[in-house]
Amino acid sequence: MPPAGAADAQAGADGATAAATAAVTITLDACIAAYLDRIYPIVPLVDPHTLRAQAARTSASLLARQFIAAFCAYVATFGNVLPSLTLTGLGQQLLSAALHVQTSDRVTHPSTLPIYISFFLYGAHAGLGNYLQGWFYLREATTLYMMQERGVDSLVPTTDQRMFWILLVSER
């Protein structure tokens, strides 16, 4: 028989987990909304369907998890596009989470998702003023783009063209 209070502690832990999950969902929804409203018209990189599809895969795929964390870090550090979220250090927290979720597949198997991740890590670092580290990830995104086999796993048909121009302009 569990000790007295164990059920209350478990219920509290479950409540905290539920609250954290709800906060992540709210943050993800806010990031997607801010991206589509304020960033997508300027940097039309990822369509809403792709964002939702990758968000649904986060429990099964480390790449999807890192993609979503890097995406949210990118949005949170892109100017003042998340005014409704007043969490101190949100961009840095999301960037740390994205860097914490690492898999060697991201750099050993060049594909569209790792290119997005590297680009979002670049944008998040640059948004936080850490340009030297940001340049590392921009160079990584460019290298992965050049190593990728064209048309193999593009998430949308225009991804190749958009990614080329966004990387080219970003490096200038």
N, C-alpha and C. Protein backbone atom coordinates (compact mmCIF):
# COMPACT_ATOMS: atom_id res chain seq x y z
N MET A 1 0.85 -1.18 0.00
CA MET A 1 0.00 0.00 0.00
C MET A 1 0.89 1.23 0.00
N PRO A 2 0.60 2.21 -0.87
CA PRO A 2 1.42 3.41 -0.92
C PRO A 2 1.31 4.22 0.35
N PRO A 3 2.37 4.92 0.73
CA PRO A 3 2.32 5.74 1.93
C PRO A 3 1.29 6.85 1.80
N ALA A 4 0.83 7.32 2.95
CA ALA A 4 -0.14 8.41 2.95
C ALA A 4 0.46 9.62 2.26
N GLY A 5 -0.31 10.26 1.44
CA GLY A 5 0.16 11.43 0.73
C GLY A 5 0.77 11.12 -0.63
N ALA A 6 1.08 9.84 -0.91
CA ALA A 6 1.68 9.48 -2.19
C ALA A 6 0.73 9.78 -3.34
N ALA A 7 -0.54 9.52 -3.12
CA ALA A 7 -1.53 9.79 -4.17
C ALA A 7 -1.60 11.29 -4.44
N ASP A 8 -1.53 12.11 -3.36
CA ASP A 8 -1.57 13.56 -3.55
C ASP A 8 -0.33 14.04 -4.29
N ALA A 9 0.84 13.45 -3.96
CA ALA A 9 2.07 13.83 -4.64
C ALA A 9 2.01 13.46 -6.11
N GLN A 10 1.49 12.26 -6.41
CA GLN A 10 1.35 11.83 -7.80
C GLN A 10 0.38 12.74 -8.55
N ALA A 11 -0.73 13.08 -7.90
CA ALA A 11 -1.70 13.97 -8.53
C ALA A 11 -1.07 15.33 -8.79
N GLY A 12 -0.25 15.82 -7.85
CA GLY A 12 0.44 17.09 -8.04
C GLY A 12 1.42 17.02 -9.20
N ALA A 13 2.16 15.90 -9.28
CA ALA A 13 3.11 15.72 -10.38
C ALA A 13 2.39 15.66 -11.72
N ASP A 14 1.27 14.91 -11.74
CA ASP A 14 0.48 14.84 -12.97
C ASP A 14 -0.07 16.21 -13.35
N GLY A 15 -0.48 16.98 -12.36
CA GLY A 15 -0.98 18.33 -12.61
C GLY A 15 0.11 19.23 -13.16
N ALA A 16 1.33 19.10 -12.60
CA ALA A 16 2.45 19.91 -13.09
C ALA A 16 2.80 19.52 -14.52
N THR A 17 2.79 18.22 -14.81
CA THR A 17 3.08 17.76 -16.16
C THR A 17 2.02 18.27 -17.13
N ALA A 18 0.77 18.20 -16.73
CA ALA A 18 -0.32 18.69 -17.57
C ALA A 18 -0.18 20.19 -17.81
N ALA A 19 0.20 20.91 -16.76
CA ALA A 19 0.37 22.36 -16.90
C ALA A 19 1.53 22.67 -17.85
N ALA A 20 2.63 21.94 -17.71
CA ALA A 20 3.78 22.15 -18.60
C ALA A 20 3.41 21.83 -20.04
N THR A 21 2.67 20.74 -20.25
CA THR A 21 2.23 20.37 -21.59
C THR A 21 1.31 21.45 -22.16
N ALA A 22 0.41 21.96 -21.33
CA ALA A 22 -0.49 23.02 -21.78
C ALA A 22 0.30 24.27 -22.15
N ALA A 23 1.33 24.61 -21.35
CA ALA A 23 2.15 25.79 -21.64
C ALA A 23 2.89 25.61 -22.96
N VAL A 24 3.42 24.41 -23.22
CA VAL A 24 4.11 24.14 -24.48
C VAL A 24 3.14 24.27 -25.65
N THR A 25 1.93 23.73 -25.48
CA THR A 25 0.92 23.82 -26.53
C THR A 25 0.55 25.27 -26.81
N ILE A 26 0.36 26.04 -25.74
CA ILE A 26 0.02 27.45 -25.91
C ILE A 26 1.17 28.17 -26.60
N THR A 27 2.40 27.88 -26.18
CA THR A 27 3.57 28.50 -26.80
C THR A 27 3.67 28.10 -28.26
N LEU A 28 3.49 26.82 -28.57
CA LEU A 28 3.55 26.36 -29.95
C LEU A 28 2.47 27.03 -30.79
N ASP A 29 1.25 27.05 -30.28
CA ASP A 29 0.17 27.70 -31.02
C ASP A 29 0.46 29.18 -31.23
N ALA A 30 0.99 29.85 -30.20
CA ALA A 30 1.33 31.27 -30.31
C ALA A 30 2.47 31.47 -31.31
N CYS A 31 3.44 30.58 -31.30
CA CYS A 31 4.57 30.68 -32.23
C CYS A 31 4.11 30.49 -33.67
N ILE A 32 3.26 29.50 -33.89
CA ILE A 32 2.75 29.26 -35.24
C ILE A 32 1.93 30.46 -35.72
N ALA A 33 1.06 30.96 -34.85
CA ALA A 33 0.24 32.11 -35.22
C ALA A 33 1.10 33.34 -35.52
N ALA A 34 2.09 33.60 -34.67
CA ALA A 34 2.97 34.76 -34.88
C ALA A 34 3.79 34.58 -36.16
N TYR A 35 4.27 33.38 -36.39
CA TYR A 35 5.05 33.10 -37.60
C TYR A 35 4.21 33.36 -38.85
N LEU A 36 3.00 32.80 -38.88
CA LEU A 36 2.16 32.96 -40.06
C LEU A 36 1.72 34.40 -40.27
N ASP A 37 1.50 35.11 -39.18
CA ASP A 37 1.02 36.48 -39.28
C ASP A 37 2.13 37.48 -39.55
N ARG A 38 3.29 37.32 -38.90
CA ARG A 38 4.30 38.38 -38.94
C ARG A 38 5.61 37.99 -39.64
N ILE A 39 5.95 36.70 -39.67
CA ILE A 39 7.24 36.30 -40.24
C ILE A 39 7.08 35.69 -41.63
N TYR A 40 6.10 34.83 -41.80
CA TYR A 40 5.90 34.13 -43.08
C TYR A 40 5.84 35.08 -44.28
N PRO A 41 5.18 36.25 -44.15
CA PRO A 41 5.18 37.16 -45.30
C PRO A 41 6.59 37.66 -45.68
N ILE A 42 7.52 37.66 -44.72
CA ILE A 42 8.88 38.13 -44.97
C ILE A 42 9.81 36.97 -45.32
N VAL A 43 9.70 35.87 -44.56
CA VAL A 43 10.55 34.69 -44.74
C VAL A 43 9.62 33.49 -44.93
N PRO A 44 9.11 33.28 -46.16
CA PRO A 44 8.12 32.22 -46.40
C PRO A 44 8.77 30.83 -46.50
N LEU A 45 9.18 30.31 -45.36
CA LEU A 45 9.96 29.09 -45.36
C LEU A 45 9.11 27.84 -45.14
N VAL A 46 8.31 27.83 -44.10
CA VAL A 46 7.55 26.63 -43.72
C VAL A 46 6.06 26.92 -43.75
N ASP A 47 5.31 26.05 -44.39
CA ASP A 47 3.86 26.25 -44.47
C ASP A 47 3.18 25.70 -43.22
N PRO A 48 1.95 26.14 -42.92
CA PRO A 48 1.25 25.72 -41.70
C PRO A 48 1.05 24.21 -41.60
N HIS A 49 0.79 23.56 -42.72
CA HIS A 49 0.58 22.11 -42.70
C HIS A 49 1.84 21.39 -42.20
N THR A 50 2.99 21.81 -42.69
CA THR A 50 4.25 21.20 -42.27
C THR A 50 4.49 21.41 -40.78
N LEU A 51 4.21 22.62 -40.30
CA LEU A 51 4.39 22.90 -38.87
C LEU A 51 3.52 21.98 -38.02
N ARG A 52 2.26 21.87 -38.38
CA ARG A 52 1.33 21.01 -37.61
C ARG A 52 1.74 19.54 -37.71
N ALA A 53 2.16 19.10 -38.89
CA ALA A 53 2.56 17.70 -39.07
C ALA A 53 3.78 17.37 -38.21
N GLN A 54 4.76 18.27 -38.18
CA GLN A 54 5.95 18.02 -37.36
C GLN A 54 5.61 18.10 -35.87
N ALA A 55 4.71 19.00 -35.49
CA ALA A 55 4.29 19.08 -34.09
C ALA A 55 3.63 17.79 -33.64
N ALA A 56 2.88 17.16 -34.53
CA ALA A 56 2.21 15.90 -34.20
C ALA A 56 3.20 14.74 -34.05
N ARG A 57 4.39 14.87 -34.63
CA ARG A 57 5.38 13.79 -34.60
C ARG A 57 6.41 13.92 -33.48
N THR A 58 6.30 14.95 -32.64
CA THR A 58 7.34 15.21 -31.64
C THR A 58 7.53 14.08 -30.63
N SER A 59 6.50 13.32 -30.36
CA SER A 59 6.67 12.23 -29.39
C SER A 59 7.36 11.03 -30.01
N ALA A 60 7.39 10.94 -31.33
CA ALA A 60 7.98 9.77 -31.99
C ALA A 60 9.31 10.07 -32.69
N SER A 61 9.64 11.34 -32.88
CA SER A 61 10.82 11.68 -33.66
C SER A 61 11.64 12.77 -32.99
N LEU A 62 12.92 12.47 -32.75
CA LEU A 62 13.81 13.49 -32.18
C LEU A 62 14.00 14.66 -33.14
N LEU A 63 14.06 14.35 -34.43
CA LEU A 63 14.20 15.44 -35.41
C LEU A 63 12.98 16.37 -35.38
N ALA A 64 11.80 15.80 -35.29
CA ALA A 64 10.58 16.62 -35.22
C ALA A 64 10.57 17.44 -33.94
N ARG A 65 11.00 16.84 -32.84
CA ARG A 65 11.05 17.54 -31.55
C ARG A 65 12.03 18.72 -31.64
N GLN A 66 13.21 18.47 -32.22
CA GLN A 66 14.19 19.55 -32.33
C GLN A 66 13.70 20.61 -33.33
N PHE A 67 13.05 20.18 -34.39
CA PHE A 67 12.49 21.12 -35.36
C PHE A 67 11.52 22.09 -34.68
N ILE A 68 10.60 21.55 -33.89
CA ILE A 68 9.59 22.39 -33.24
C ILE A 68 10.24 23.31 -32.21
N ALA A 69 11.17 22.79 -31.42
CA ALA A 69 11.84 23.62 -30.42
C ALA A 69 12.65 24.73 -31.10
N ALA A 70 13.38 24.38 -32.16
CA ALA A 70 14.17 25.38 -32.88
C ALA A 70 13.26 26.41 -33.56
N PHE A 71 12.15 25.94 -34.12
CA PHE A 71 11.18 26.84 -34.74
C PHE A 71 10.65 27.85 -33.72
N CYS A 72 10.25 27.37 -32.56
CA CYS A 72 9.71 28.26 -31.52
C CYS A 72 10.78 29.23 -31.01
N ALA A 73 12.02 28.75 -30.89
CA ALA A 73 13.12 29.65 -30.48
C ALA A 73 13.32 30.74 -31.53
N TYR A 74 13.27 30.36 -32.78
CA TYR A 74 13.41 31.30 -33.90
C TYR A 74 12.32 32.37 -33.84
N VAL A 75 11.09 31.94 -33.66
CA VAL A 75 9.97 32.89 -33.62
C VAL A 75 10.07 33.78 -32.38
N ALA A 76 10.40 33.18 -31.24
CA ALA A 76 10.46 33.94 -29.98
C ALA A 76 11.56 35.00 -30.00
N THR A 77 12.58 34.81 -30.83
CA THR A 77 13.68 35.77 -30.87
C THR A 77 13.64 36.66 -32.11
N PHE A 78 12.60 36.54 -32.90
CA PHE A 78 12.45 37.32 -34.14
C PHE A 78 11.75 38.63 -33.82
N GLY A 79 12.49 39.62 -33.38
CA GLY A 79 11.88 40.91 -33.04
C GLY A 79 10.91 40.76 -31.90
N ASN A 80 9.81 41.45 -31.98
CA ASN A 80 8.80 41.42 -30.93
C ASN A 80 7.50 40.86 -31.50
N VAL A 81 7.57 39.61 -31.98
CA VAL A 81 6.39 39.03 -32.62
C VAL A 81 5.52 38.25 -31.64
N LEU A 82 5.98 38.05 -30.42
CA LEU A 82 5.19 37.34 -29.41
C LEU A 82 4.89 38.27 -28.23
N PRO A 83 4.22 39.39 -28.45
CA PRO A 83 3.99 40.32 -27.35
C PRO A 83 3.08 39.77 -26.26
N SER A 84 2.22 38.82 -26.59
CA SER A 84 1.29 38.29 -25.59
C SER A 84 1.97 37.33 -24.61
N LEU A 85 3.14 36.81 -24.99
CA LEU A 85 3.88 35.92 -24.09
C LEU A 85 4.97 36.73 -23.41
N THR A 86 4.77 37.00 -22.14
CA THR A 86 5.71 37.86 -21.42
C THR A 86 6.63 37.04 -20.52
N LEU A 87 6.92 35.82 -20.91
CA LEU A 87 7.82 35.00 -20.13
C LEU A 87 9.25 35.48 -20.31
N THR A 88 9.92 35.74 -19.21
CA THR A 88 11.30 36.21 -19.27
C THR A 88 12.20 35.10 -19.79
N GLY A 89 13.01 35.43 -20.78
CA GLY A 89 13.98 34.48 -21.29
C GLY A 89 13.38 33.34 -22.11
N LEU A 90 12.18 33.52 -22.64
CA LEU A 90 11.54 32.45 -23.40
C LEU A 90 12.38 32.01 -24.58
N GLY A 91 12.93 32.95 -25.33
CA GLY A 91 13.75 32.60 -26.49
C GLY A 91 14.96 31.77 -26.10
N GLN A 92 15.65 32.17 -25.03
CA GLN A 92 16.82 31.42 -24.57
C GLN A 92 16.42 30.03 -24.07
N GLN A 93 15.30 29.92 -23.37
CA GLN A 93 14.82 28.63 -22.89
C GLN A 93 14.49 27.71 -24.06
N LEU A 94 13.82 28.23 -25.06
CA LEU A 94 13.47 27.42 -26.22
C LEU A 94 14.71 27.01 -27.00
N LEU A 95 15.67 27.92 -27.12
CA LEU A 95 16.92 27.60 -27.81
C LEU A 95 17.68 26.51 -27.06
N SER A 96 17.74 26.63 -25.75
CA SER A 96 18.39 25.59 -24.94
C SER A 96 17.71 24.25 -25.12
N ALA A 97 16.39 24.25 -25.17
CA ALA A 97 15.64 23.00 -25.37
C ALA A 97 15.96 22.41 -26.74
N ALA A 98 16.04 23.27 -27.75
CA ALA A 98 16.35 22.77 -29.11
C ALA A 98 17.75 22.19 -29.18
N LEU A 99 18.69 22.81 -28.50
CA LEU A 99 20.07 22.30 -28.51
C LEU A 99 20.22 21.05 -27.66
N HIS A 100 19.35 20.91 -26.69
CA HIS A 100 19.40 19.73 -25.82
C HIS A 100 18.93 18.47 -26.54
N VAL A 101 18.02 18.62 -27.47
CA VAL A 101 17.50 17.49 -28.24
C VAL A 101 18.38 17.33 -29.47
N GLN A 102 19.36 16.48 -29.38
CA GLN A 102 20.29 16.28 -30.50
C GLN A 102 20.22 14.84 -30.98
N THR A 103 20.35 14.68 -32.26
CA THR A 103 20.48 13.37 -32.88
C THR A 103 21.48 13.50 -34.01
N SER A 104 22.30 12.49 -34.16
CA SER A 104 23.33 12.56 -35.20
C SER A 104 22.72 12.56 -36.61
N ASP A 105 21.48 12.09 -36.74
CA ASP A 105 20.82 12.10 -38.05
C ASP A 105 20.70 13.50 -38.63
N ARG A 106 20.68 14.50 -37.77
CA ARG A 106 20.51 15.87 -38.24
C ARG A 106 21.66 16.30 -39.16
N VAL A 107 22.86 15.84 -38.89
CA VAL A 107 23.99 16.27 -39.72
C VAL A 107 24.56 15.16 -40.58
N THR A 108 24.21 13.91 -40.31
CA THR A 108 24.76 12.81 -41.10
C THR A 108 23.86 12.40 -42.26
N HIS A 109 22.61 12.81 -42.24
CA HIS A 109 21.66 12.48 -43.30
C HIS A 109 20.99 13.78 -43.77
N PRO A 110 21.66 14.52 -44.65
CA PRO A 110 21.09 15.81 -45.08
C PRO A 110 19.71 15.64 -45.71
N SER A 111 18.78 16.36 -45.17
CA SER A 111 17.42 16.38 -45.71
C SER A 111 16.81 17.73 -45.34
N THR A 112 15.59 17.94 -45.73
CA THR A 112 14.95 19.23 -45.53
C THR A 112 14.83 19.59 -44.05
N LEU A 113 14.39 18.65 -43.22
CA LEU A 113 14.17 18.95 -41.80
C LEU A 113 15.44 19.43 -41.10
N PRO A 114 16.58 18.75 -41.24
CA PRO A 114 17.80 19.26 -40.62
C PRO A 114 18.22 20.64 -41.13
N ILE A 115 17.94 20.93 -42.40
CA ILE A 115 18.26 22.26 -42.92
C ILE A 115 17.42 23.31 -42.21
N TYR A 116 16.12 23.03 -42.07
CA TYR A 116 15.25 23.93 -41.32
C TYR A 116 15.77 24.12 -39.90
N ILE A 117 16.11 23.02 -39.24
CA ILE A 117 16.58 23.10 -37.86
C ILE A 117 17.80 24.00 -37.76
N SER A 118 18.78 23.76 -38.62
CA SER A 118 20.00 24.58 -38.58
C SER A 118 19.68 26.05 -38.86
N PHE A 119 18.79 26.31 -39.81
CA PHE A 119 18.43 27.69 -40.11
C PHE A 119 17.73 28.33 -38.91
N PHE A 120 16.82 27.60 -38.27
CA PHE A 120 16.12 28.15 -37.10
C PHE A 120 17.08 28.38 -35.94
N LEU A 121 18.05 27.49 -35.76
CA LEU A 121 19.06 27.69 -34.71
C LEU A 121 19.88 28.95 -35.02
N TYR A 122 20.22 29.14 -36.28
CA TYR A 122 20.92 30.37 -36.69
C TYR A 122 20.08 31.59 -36.32
N GLY A 123 18.81 31.58 -36.71
CA GLY A 123 17.95 32.73 -36.45
C GLY A 123 17.76 33.00 -34.97
N ALA A 124 17.65 31.94 -34.17
CA ALA A 124 17.47 32.12 -32.73
C ALA A 124 18.73 32.71 -32.10
N HIS A 125 19.90 32.19 -32.48
CA HIS A 125 21.14 32.74 -31.94
C HIS A 125 21.30 34.20 -32.36
N ALA A 126 21.04 34.49 -33.62
CA ALA A 126 21.16 35.87 -34.10
C ALA A 126 20.16 36.78 -33.37
N GLY A 127 18.95 36.28 -33.16
CA GLY A 127 17.94 37.06 -32.45
C GLY A 127 18.32 37.37 -31.01
N LEU A 128 19.15 36.51 -30.44
CA LEU A 128 19.62 36.74 -29.07
C LEU A 128 20.92 37.55 -29.05
N GLY A 129 21.41 37.92 -30.24
CA GLY A 129 22.63 38.72 -30.31
C GLY A 129 23.91 37.90 -30.33
N ASN A 130 23.80 36.59 -30.41
CA ASN A 130 24.97 35.71 -30.43
C ASN A 130 25.30 35.37 -31.89
N TYR A 131 25.84 36.35 -32.60
CA TYR A 131 26.04 36.23 -34.04
C TYR A 131 27.10 35.21 -34.43
N LEU A 132 28.16 35.09 -33.63
CA LEU A 132 29.20 34.13 -33.98
C LEU A 132 28.66 32.70 -33.98
N GLN A 133 27.89 32.34 -32.95
CA GLN A 133 27.29 31.02 -32.91
C GLN A 133 26.23 30.89 -34.00
N GLY A 134 25.51 31.97 -34.26
CA GLY A 134 24.50 31.95 -35.32
C GLY A 134 25.11 31.65 -36.68
N TRP A 135 26.26 32.26 -36.97
CA TRP A 135 26.92 32.02 -38.25
C TRP A 135 27.28 30.55 -38.41
N PHE A 136 27.66 29.91 -37.32
CA PHE A 136 27.98 28.47 -37.38
C PHE A 136 26.79 27.69 -37.91
N TYR A 137 25.60 27.96 -37.38
CA TYR A 137 24.41 27.22 -37.80
C TYR A 137 23.95 27.63 -39.21
N LEU A 138 24.18 28.88 -39.59
CA LEU A 138 23.85 29.27 -40.96
C LEU A 138 24.75 28.53 -41.94
N ARG A 139 26.04 28.45 -41.63
CA ARG A 139 26.97 27.71 -42.48
C ARG A 139 26.57 26.23 -42.52
N GLU A 140 26.16 25.68 -41.38
CA GLU A 140 25.72 24.29 -41.34
C GLU A 140 24.49 24.08 -42.22
N ALA A 141 23.53 25.00 -42.14
CA ALA A 141 22.33 24.90 -42.98
C ALA A 141 22.69 24.95 -44.46
N THR A 142 23.61 25.84 -44.81
CA THR A 142 24.03 25.96 -46.20
C THR A 142 24.74 24.70 -46.67
N THR A 143 25.61 24.15 -45.83
CA THR A 143 26.32 22.92 -46.18
C THR A 143 25.35 21.76 -46.33
N LEU A 144 24.41 21.63 -45.41
CA LEU A 144 23.42 20.56 -45.51
C LEU A 144 22.57 20.72 -46.77
N TYR A 145 22.25 21.97 -47.09
CA TYR A 145 21.47 22.22 -48.30
C TYR A 145 22.23 21.75 -49.54
N MET A 146 23.52 22.06 -49.59
CA MET A 146 24.33 21.68 -50.76
C MET A 146 24.52 20.17 -50.83
N MET A 147 24.50 19.48 -49.70
CA MET A 147 24.70 18.02 -49.67
C MET A 147 23.41 17.25 -49.94
N GLN A 148 22.27 17.90 -49.79
CA GLN A 148 20.98 17.24 -49.94
C GLN A 148 20.72 16.83 -51.38
N GLU A 149 20.16 15.64 -51.53
CA GLU A 149 19.73 15.20 -52.85
C GLU A 149 18.43 15.93 -53.19
N ARG A 150 18.40 16.60 -54.30
CA ARG A 150 17.24 17.41 -54.68
C ARG A 150 16.01 16.56 -54.93
N GLY A 151 14.89 17.03 -54.37
CA GLY A 151 13.61 16.39 -54.62
C GLY A 151 13.35 15.12 -53.84
N VAL A 152 14.29 14.69 -52.99
CA VAL A 152 14.11 13.42 -52.29
C VAL A 152 13.05 13.54 -51.20
N ASP A 153 13.14 14.57 -50.36
CA ASP A 153 12.18 14.65 -49.26
C ASP A 153 11.66 16.06 -49.04
N SER A 154 11.63 16.88 -50.06
CA SER A 154 11.12 18.23 -49.89
C SER A 154 9.72 18.18 -49.31
N LEU A 155 9.51 18.99 -48.27
CA LEU A 155 8.22 18.96 -47.60
C LEU A 155 7.12 19.62 -48.42
N VAL A 156 7.49 20.58 -49.23
CA VAL A 156 6.57 21.20 -50.19
C VAL A 156 7.36 21.43 -51.47
N PRO A 157 6.71 21.48 -52.60
CA PRO A 157 7.43 21.57 -53.88
C PRO A 157 8.34 22.80 -54.01
N THR A 158 7.99 23.90 -53.42
CA THR A 158 8.80 25.11 -53.57
C THR A 158 9.89 25.26 -52.51
N THR A 159 10.03 24.28 -51.64
CA THR A 159 11.00 24.37 -50.56
C THR A 159 12.42 24.59 -51.06
N ASP A 160 12.82 23.87 -52.07
CA ASP A 160 14.18 23.99 -52.61
C ASP A 160 14.48 25.42 -53.04
N GLN A 161 13.59 26.01 -53.81
CA GLN A 161 13.82 27.36 -54.31
C GLN A 161 13.85 28.38 -53.18
N ARG A 162 12.88 28.29 -52.29
CA ARG A 162 12.82 29.23 -51.17
C ARG A 162 14.04 29.10 -50.28
N MET A 163 14.39 27.85 -49.97
CA MET A 163 15.53 27.63 -49.09
C MET A 163 16.81 28.18 -49.71
N PHE A 164 17.01 27.96 -50.99
CA PHE A 164 18.20 28.48 -51.67
C PHE A 164 18.30 29.99 -51.49
N TRP A 165 17.22 30.70 -51.81
CA TRP A 165 17.27 32.16 -51.76
C TRP A 165 17.37 32.68 -50.34
N ILE A 166 16.69 32.06 -49.41
CA ILE A 166 16.76 32.51 -48.02
C ILE A 166 18.17 32.31 -47.46
N LEU A 167 18.79 31.17 -47.76
CA LEU A 167 20.16 30.95 -47.30
C LEU A 167 21.12 31.92 -47.97
N LEU A 168 20.95 32.14 -49.27
CA LEU A 168 21.83 33.05 -49.99
C LEU A 168 21.75 34.46 -49.42
N VAL A 169 20.54 34.95 -49.24
CA VAL A 169 20.35 36.31 -48.71
C VAL A 169 20.83 36.39 -47.27
N SER A 170 20.59 35.38 -46.48
CA SER A 170 21.02 35.39 -45.07
C SER A 170 22.52 35.43 -44.93
N GLU A 171 23.23 34.80 -45.85
CA GLU A 171 24.69 34.80 -45.76
C GLU A 171 25.31 36.12 -46.21
N ARG A 172 24.57 36.94 -46.86
CA ARG A 172 25.12 38.20 -47.38
C ARG A 172 25.14 39.23 -46.32
